[in-house]
Amino acid sequence: MNIDNMLKPLYEMEELNELLSSLRANLNIVEVYGISDTQKAIVAALVCRHFNKPCIFITHNDLLSRKIFEDISFFDQNLAALLPSGELMFRRVDAKSKDIMQKRLKVYDSIISGRNSIICTSIEALLPKTVSPELFASMIRELSVGETVILEEMKEYFTMAGYERVDMVEGKGQFSIRGGIIDFYSPIHQDAVRIELFDDEVDSIRFFDVLTQRSVSKAQKIRITPAREFIITKGESLEGAENLQAELSARLRTLGADRKKKTLESKI
């Protein structure tokens, strides 16, 4: 079903035109009440299409944000994206949490690239602090067949972007480099990617199945995005290392002074 054909008759409603006029007047708060959740999704789609601007639909929980997302996607699969809430964990991250993180990263890339107009999410999903759009965008890379790459730079990039180096790529957020072959699995791709180099030039780009390690399709260009929400830049890493070194030196000086004091007291 075409969402534009469904939205067209709504422009004849007086209440809807009042809503659009209020939004056009840049009022701080415009209240809409008396409509169902599905109707809310339709109104959000209409407002987004009418003003040709991205929108964010915030609900009180993940369950409702998913319902709104599904209602919009029923009419147009490319109009909305779902940002789920993540989990703040101080232990080994399980498969479910990794899956949520991958979905959030995919939405971040969607926001940066402007692919989806409506982001459906919940208050809980927006509470955690995450990477800034500017930093996330700066960590996105694109490689094309025929382009020159330096392996050491690629190793550093994948590490800084949050990828885990492994012998063989089996899941999202992993990368491996074997000779002139670079394998990685980005959160935004359905399959893993294999880049084959001829000397220092990209000779081919292929998607491959991580279970069979066999090629699925070819590509002329590939987009690489970060594999984690929290990105530490090289400058921040160096600054952190210097701060740790300074703290360690101060502690060692304090321990050394305490030992000398105890030795002197024992001799008195």
Protein backbone atom coordinates (compact mmCIF):
# COMPACT_ATOMS: atom_id res chain seq x y z
CA MET A 1 0.00 0.00 0.00
CA ASN A 2 1.29 3.45 -0.92
CA ILE A 3 1.34 5.69 2.14
CA ASP A 4 0.95 8.86 0.04
CA ASN A 5 -2.40 7.61 -1.33
CA MET A 6 -3.57 6.88 2.20
CA LEU A 7 -2.48 10.26 3.58
CA LYS A 8 -3.99 12.38 0.80
CA PRO A 9 -7.64 12.27 2.05
CA LEU A 10 -6.50 13.35 5.53
CA TYR A 11 -5.68 16.82 4.25
CA GLU A 12 -9.44 17.46 4.03
CA MET A 13 -9.76 17.17 7.82
CA GLU A 14 -10.06 20.53 9.58
CA GLU A 15 -8.30 19.27 12.72
CA LEU A 16 -5.30 18.08 10.74
CA ASN A 17 -4.96 21.38 8.91
CA GLU A 18 -5.07 23.17 12.27
CA LEU A 19 -2.24 20.93 13.45
CA LEU A 20 -0.13 21.70 10.38
CA SER A 21 -0.82 25.43 10.75
CA SER A 22 0.26 25.33 14.41
CA LEU A 23 3.47 23.51 13.54
CA ARG A 24 4.09 25.92 10.70
CA ALA A 25 3.80 28.80 13.18
CA ASN A 26 6.68 27.26 15.20
CA LEU A 27 4.67 26.94 18.41
CA ASN A 28 6.72 25.32 21.18
CA ILE A 29 4.12 22.70 22.13
CA VAL A 30 1.22 21.39 20.04
CA GLU A 31 -1.03 18.82 21.73
CA VAL A 32 -2.88 16.13 19.80
CA TYR A 33 -5.30 13.93 21.75
CA GLY A 34 -8.23 11.58 21.24
CA ILE A 35 -6.56 9.35 18.65
CA SER A 36 -5.39 5.73 18.80
CA ASP A 37 -1.77 4.57 18.64
CA THR A 38 -2.15 3.57 14.99
CA GLN A 39 -3.63 6.97 14.19
CA LYS A 40 -0.69 8.60 15.97
CA ALA A 41 1.66 6.73 13.64
CA ILE A 42 -0.28 7.93 10.59
CA VAL A 43 -0.28 11.54 11.80
CA ALA A 44 3.47 11.36 12.47
CA ALA A 45 4.06 10.05 8.95
CA LEU A 46 1.89 12.80 7.48
CA VAL A 47 3.63 15.59 9.42
CA CYS A 48 7.03 14.21 8.47
CA ARG A 49 6.09 13.99 4.78
CA HIS A 50 4.37 17.40 4.77
CA PHE A 51 7.34 19.32 6.17
CA ASN A 52 9.96 17.06 4.56
CA LYS A 53 11.94 16.95 7.79
CA PRO A 54 13.16 14.11 10.01
CA CYS A 55 11.06 13.37 13.09
CA ILE A 56 11.52 11.48 16.33
CA PHE A 57 8.56 9.64 17.87
CA ILE A 58 9.17 9.12 21.61
CA THR A 59 7.00 6.72 23.62
CA HIS A 60 6.97 5.72 27.31
CA ASN A 61 8.28 2.19 26.65
CA ASP A 62 9.90 -0.03 24.03
CA LEU A 63 6.76 -2.04 23.41
CA LEU A 64 4.80 0.99 22.20
CA SER A 65 7.69 2.37 20.15
CA ARG A 66 7.93 -0.98 18.35
CA LYS A 67 4.18 -0.92 17.66
CA ILE A 68 4.39 2.60 16.21
CA PHE A 69 7.35 1.52 14.09
CA GLU A 70 5.47 -1.53 12.79
CA ASP A 71 2.38 0.55 11.98
CA ILE A 72 4.41 3.03 9.93
CA SER A 73 6.45 0.27 8.27
CA PHE A 74 3.25 -1.50 7.20
CA PHE A 75 2.64 1.35 4.76
CA ASP A 76 6.25 2.29 3.99
CA GLN A 77 9.16 0.03 5.02
CA ASN A 78 11.76 2.74 4.41
CA LEU A 79 10.11 5.62 6.26
CA ALA A 80 10.87 4.66 9.88
CA ALA A 81 13.63 3.12 12.00
CA LEU A 82 13.37 1.62 15.48
CA LEU A 83 15.90 2.63 18.17
CA PRO A 84 15.61 0.08 21.02
CA SER A 85 16.78 0.68 24.58
CA GLY A 86 20.17 -0.72 25.47
CA GLU A 87 21.43 -2.28 28.68
CA LEU A 88 24.19 -0.81 30.83
CA MET A 89 26.19 -3.83 31.95
CA PHE A 90 29.41 -4.28 33.95
CA ARG A 91 29.89 -7.92 33.07
CA ARG A 92 30.34 -10.02 29.97
CA VAL A 93 27.86 -8.84 27.33
CA ASP A 94 25.49 -11.61 26.26
CA ALA A 95 24.21 -12.28 22.73
CA LYS A 96 20.94 -10.41 23.30
CA SER A 97 22.70 -7.24 24.46
CA LYS A 98 25.06 -7.40 21.49
CA ASP A 99 22.09 -7.70 19.17
CA ILE A 100 20.49 -4.61 20.70
CA MET A 101 23.73 -2.66 20.35
CA GLN A 102 24.03 -3.66 16.67
CA LYS A 103 20.47 -2.46 16.04
CA ARG A 104 21.18 0.88 17.73
CA LEU A 105 24.34 1.35 15.66
CA LYS A 106 22.38 0.64 12.49
CA VAL A 107 19.89 3.37 13.44
CA TYR A 108 22.74 5.82 14.12
CA ASP A 109 24.04 5.23 10.61
CA SER A 110 20.50 5.65 9.29
CA ILE A 111 20.26 9.04 11.02
CA ILE A 112 23.64 10.19 9.69
CA SER A 113 22.89 9.07 6.13
CA GLY A 114 19.30 10.39 6.20
CA ARG A 115 17.79 7.10 5.01
CA ASN A 116 14.84 7.12 7.42
CA SER A 117 12.63 10.11 8.22
CA ILE A 118 11.02 8.93 11.47
CA ILE A 119 12.96 7.47 14.40
CA CYS A 120 10.67 5.51 16.73
CA THR A 121 12.08 5.14 20.22
CA SER A 122 11.33 5.28 23.96
CA ILE A 123 12.42 7.49 26.84
CA GLU A 124 14.53 4.63 28.20
CA ALA A 125 16.36 4.27 24.89
CA LEU A 126 17.29 7.96 24.88
CA LEU A 127 18.57 8.17 28.46
CA PRO A 128 22.05 6.59 28.08
CA LYS A 129 24.85 8.87 26.94
CA THR A 130 26.18 7.84 23.56
CA VAL A 131 28.55 8.96 20.84
CA SER A 132 28.06 12.39 19.26
CA PRO A 133 26.79 12.49 15.65
CA GLU A 134 29.94 14.34 14.58
CA LEU A 135 32.28 11.72 16.03
CA PHE A 136 30.19 8.83 14.69
CA ALA A 137 30.16 10.39 11.20
CA SER A 138 33.93 10.97 11.32
CA MET A 139 34.46 7.24 11.95
CA ILE A 140 32.51 6.13 8.87
CA ARG A 141 34.67 5.01 5.95
CA GLU A 142 33.91 4.05 2.39
CA LEU A 143 36.17 1.90 0.23
CA SER A 144 35.88 1.34 -3.51
CA VAL A 145 37.43 -1.11 -5.94
CA GLY A 146 40.68 0.39 -7.26
CA GLU A 147 41.26 2.50 -4.14
CA THR A 148 44.64 2.39 -2.40
CA VAL A 149 44.69 1.30 1.24
CA ILE A 150 47.41 0.86 3.86
CA LEU A 151 46.99 -2.24 5.99
CA GLU A 152 48.42 -0.71 9.16
CA GLU A 153 45.96 2.18 8.87
CA MET A 154 43.08 -0.26 8.40
CA LYS A 155 44.15 -2.22 11.51
CA GLU A 156 44.21 0.99 13.52
CA TYR A 157 40.87 2.12 12.11
CA PHE A 158 39.05 -1.12 12.95
CA THR A 159 40.49 -1.11 16.47
CA MET A 160 39.50 2.52 17.10
CA ALA A 161 36.03 1.87 15.63
CA GLY A 162 35.39 -0.87 18.18
CA TYR A 163 35.93 -4.01 16.10
CA GLU A 164 37.39 -7.14 17.70
CA ARG A 165 40.31 -8.73 15.86
CA VAL A 166 39.88 -12.49 15.36
CA ASP A 167 41.41 -15.25 13.27
CA MET A 168 38.15 -15.85 11.39
CA VAL A 169 35.15 -13.51 11.26
CA GLU A 170 32.06 -15.24 12.66
CA GLY A 171 29.91 -12.38 13.98
CA LYS A 172 29.17 -8.68 13.72
CA GLY A 173 31.76 -6.32 15.16
CA GLN A 174 34.70 -8.55 14.21
CA PHE A 175 37.55 -8.16 11.70
CA SER A 176 40.55 -10.15 10.53
CA ILE A 177 43.50 -9.44 8.27
CA ARG A 178 45.34 -12.32 6.61
CA GLY A 179 47.94 -11.30 4.07
CA GLY A 180 46.13 -9.21 1.47
CA ILE A 181 42.62 -10.19 2.64
CA ILE A 182 40.55 -7.99 4.97
CA ASP A 183 37.39 -9.51 6.45
CA PHE A 184 34.95 -7.56 8.62
CA TYR A 185 31.32 -7.68 9.71
CA SER A 186 29.73 -4.25 10.07
CA PRO A 187 26.51 -3.72 12.07
CA ILE A 188 24.78 -2.23 9.01
CA HIS A 189 25.35 -5.18 6.67
CA GLN A 190 23.38 -8.39 6.35
CA ASP A 191 26.54 -10.37 5.55
CA ALA A 192 30.24 -10.04 6.30
CA VAL A 193 32.54 -8.33 3.81
CA ARG A 194 35.80 -9.56 2.25
CA ILE A 195 38.19 -7.09 0.66
CA GLU A 196 40.97 -8.59 -1.45
CA LEU A 197 44.03 -6.48 -2.17
CA PHE A 198 46.43 -6.59 -5.09
CA ASP A 199 49.55 -5.08 -3.54
CA ASP A 200 48.00 -2.01 -1.80
CA GLU A 201 45.01 -1.61 -4.13
CA VAL A 202 41.47 -2.92 -3.55
CA ASP A 203 41.06 -5.65 -6.16
CA SER A 204 37.60 -6.90 -5.17
CA ILE A 205 34.86 -6.44 -2.57
CA ARG A 206 32.56 -9.34 -1.78
CA PHE A 207 29.86 -10.18 0.74
CA PHE A 208 30.25 -13.65 2.23
CA ASP A 209 28.37 -16.04 4.50
CA VAL A 210 30.13 -16.40 7.85
CA LEU A 211 28.92 -20.00 8.23
CA THR A 212 30.23 -21.30 4.91
CA GLN A 213 32.84 -18.54 4.31
CA ARG A 214 31.64 -18.53 0.68
CA SER A 215 30.98 -15.42 -1.39
CA VAL A 216 27.36 -14.26 -1.71
CA SER A 217 27.65 -11.21 -3.98
CA LYS A 218 30.07 -8.58 -5.28
CA ALA A 219 30.16 -4.82 -4.65
CA GLN A 220 32.03 -1.88 -6.13
CA LYS A 221 31.88 0.20 -2.96
CA ILE A 222 31.44 -0.60 0.72
CA ARG A 223 30.50 1.48 3.77
CA ILE A 224 32.16 0.77 7.12
CA THR A 225 30.63 2.08 10.36
CA PRO A 226 31.72 1.87 14.02
CA ALA A 227 30.99 -1.35 15.89
CA ARG A 228 30.31 0.16 19.31
CA GLU A 229 28.45 3.12 20.75
CA PHE A 230 31.32 4.48 22.81
CA ILE A 231 34.25 5.53 20.67
CA ILE A 232 37.60 6.56 22.15
CA THR A 233 39.68 8.64 19.77
CA LYS A 234 43.45 8.28 19.47
CA GLY A 235 43.94 11.60 21.24
CA GLU A 236 41.71 10.52 24.13
CA SER A 237 43.60 7.21 24.39
CA LEU A 238 46.95 9.01 24.63
CA GLU A 239 45.56 11.50 27.15
CA GLY A 240 44.15 8.66 29.25
CA ALA A 241 47.47 6.79 29.17
CA GLU A 242 49.33 9.93 30.27
CA ASN A 243 46.88 10.51 33.13
CA LEU A 244 47.27 6.90 34.29
CA GLN A 245 51.06 7.19 34.12
CA ALA A 246 50.99 10.40 36.14
CA GLU A 247 48.69 8.82 38.75
CA LEU A 248 50.88 5.72 38.97
CA SER A 249 54.03 7.82 39.42
CA ALA A 250 52.37 9.85 42.19
CA ARG A 251 51.27 6.68 44.00
CA LEU A 252 54.76 5.15 43.73
CA ARG A 253 56.30 8.33 45.15
CA THR A 254 53.84 8.21 48.06
CA LEU A 255 54.59 4.52 48.71
CA GLY A 256 58.31 5.20 48.55
CA ALA A 257 58.03 8.04 51.07
CA ASP A 258 55.95 5.86 53.43
CA ARG A 259 58.51 3.05 53.27
CA LYS A 260 61.39 5.41 54.05
CA LYS A 261 59.42 6.81 57.00
CA LYS A 262 58.73 3.34 58.39
CA THR A 263 62.39 2.30 57.97
CA LEU A 264 63.55 5.42 59.81
CA GLU A 265 61.05 4.88 62.63
CA SER A 266 62.23 1.27 63.08
CA LYS A 267 65.83 2.44 63.51
CA ILE A 268 65.00 5.02 66.16
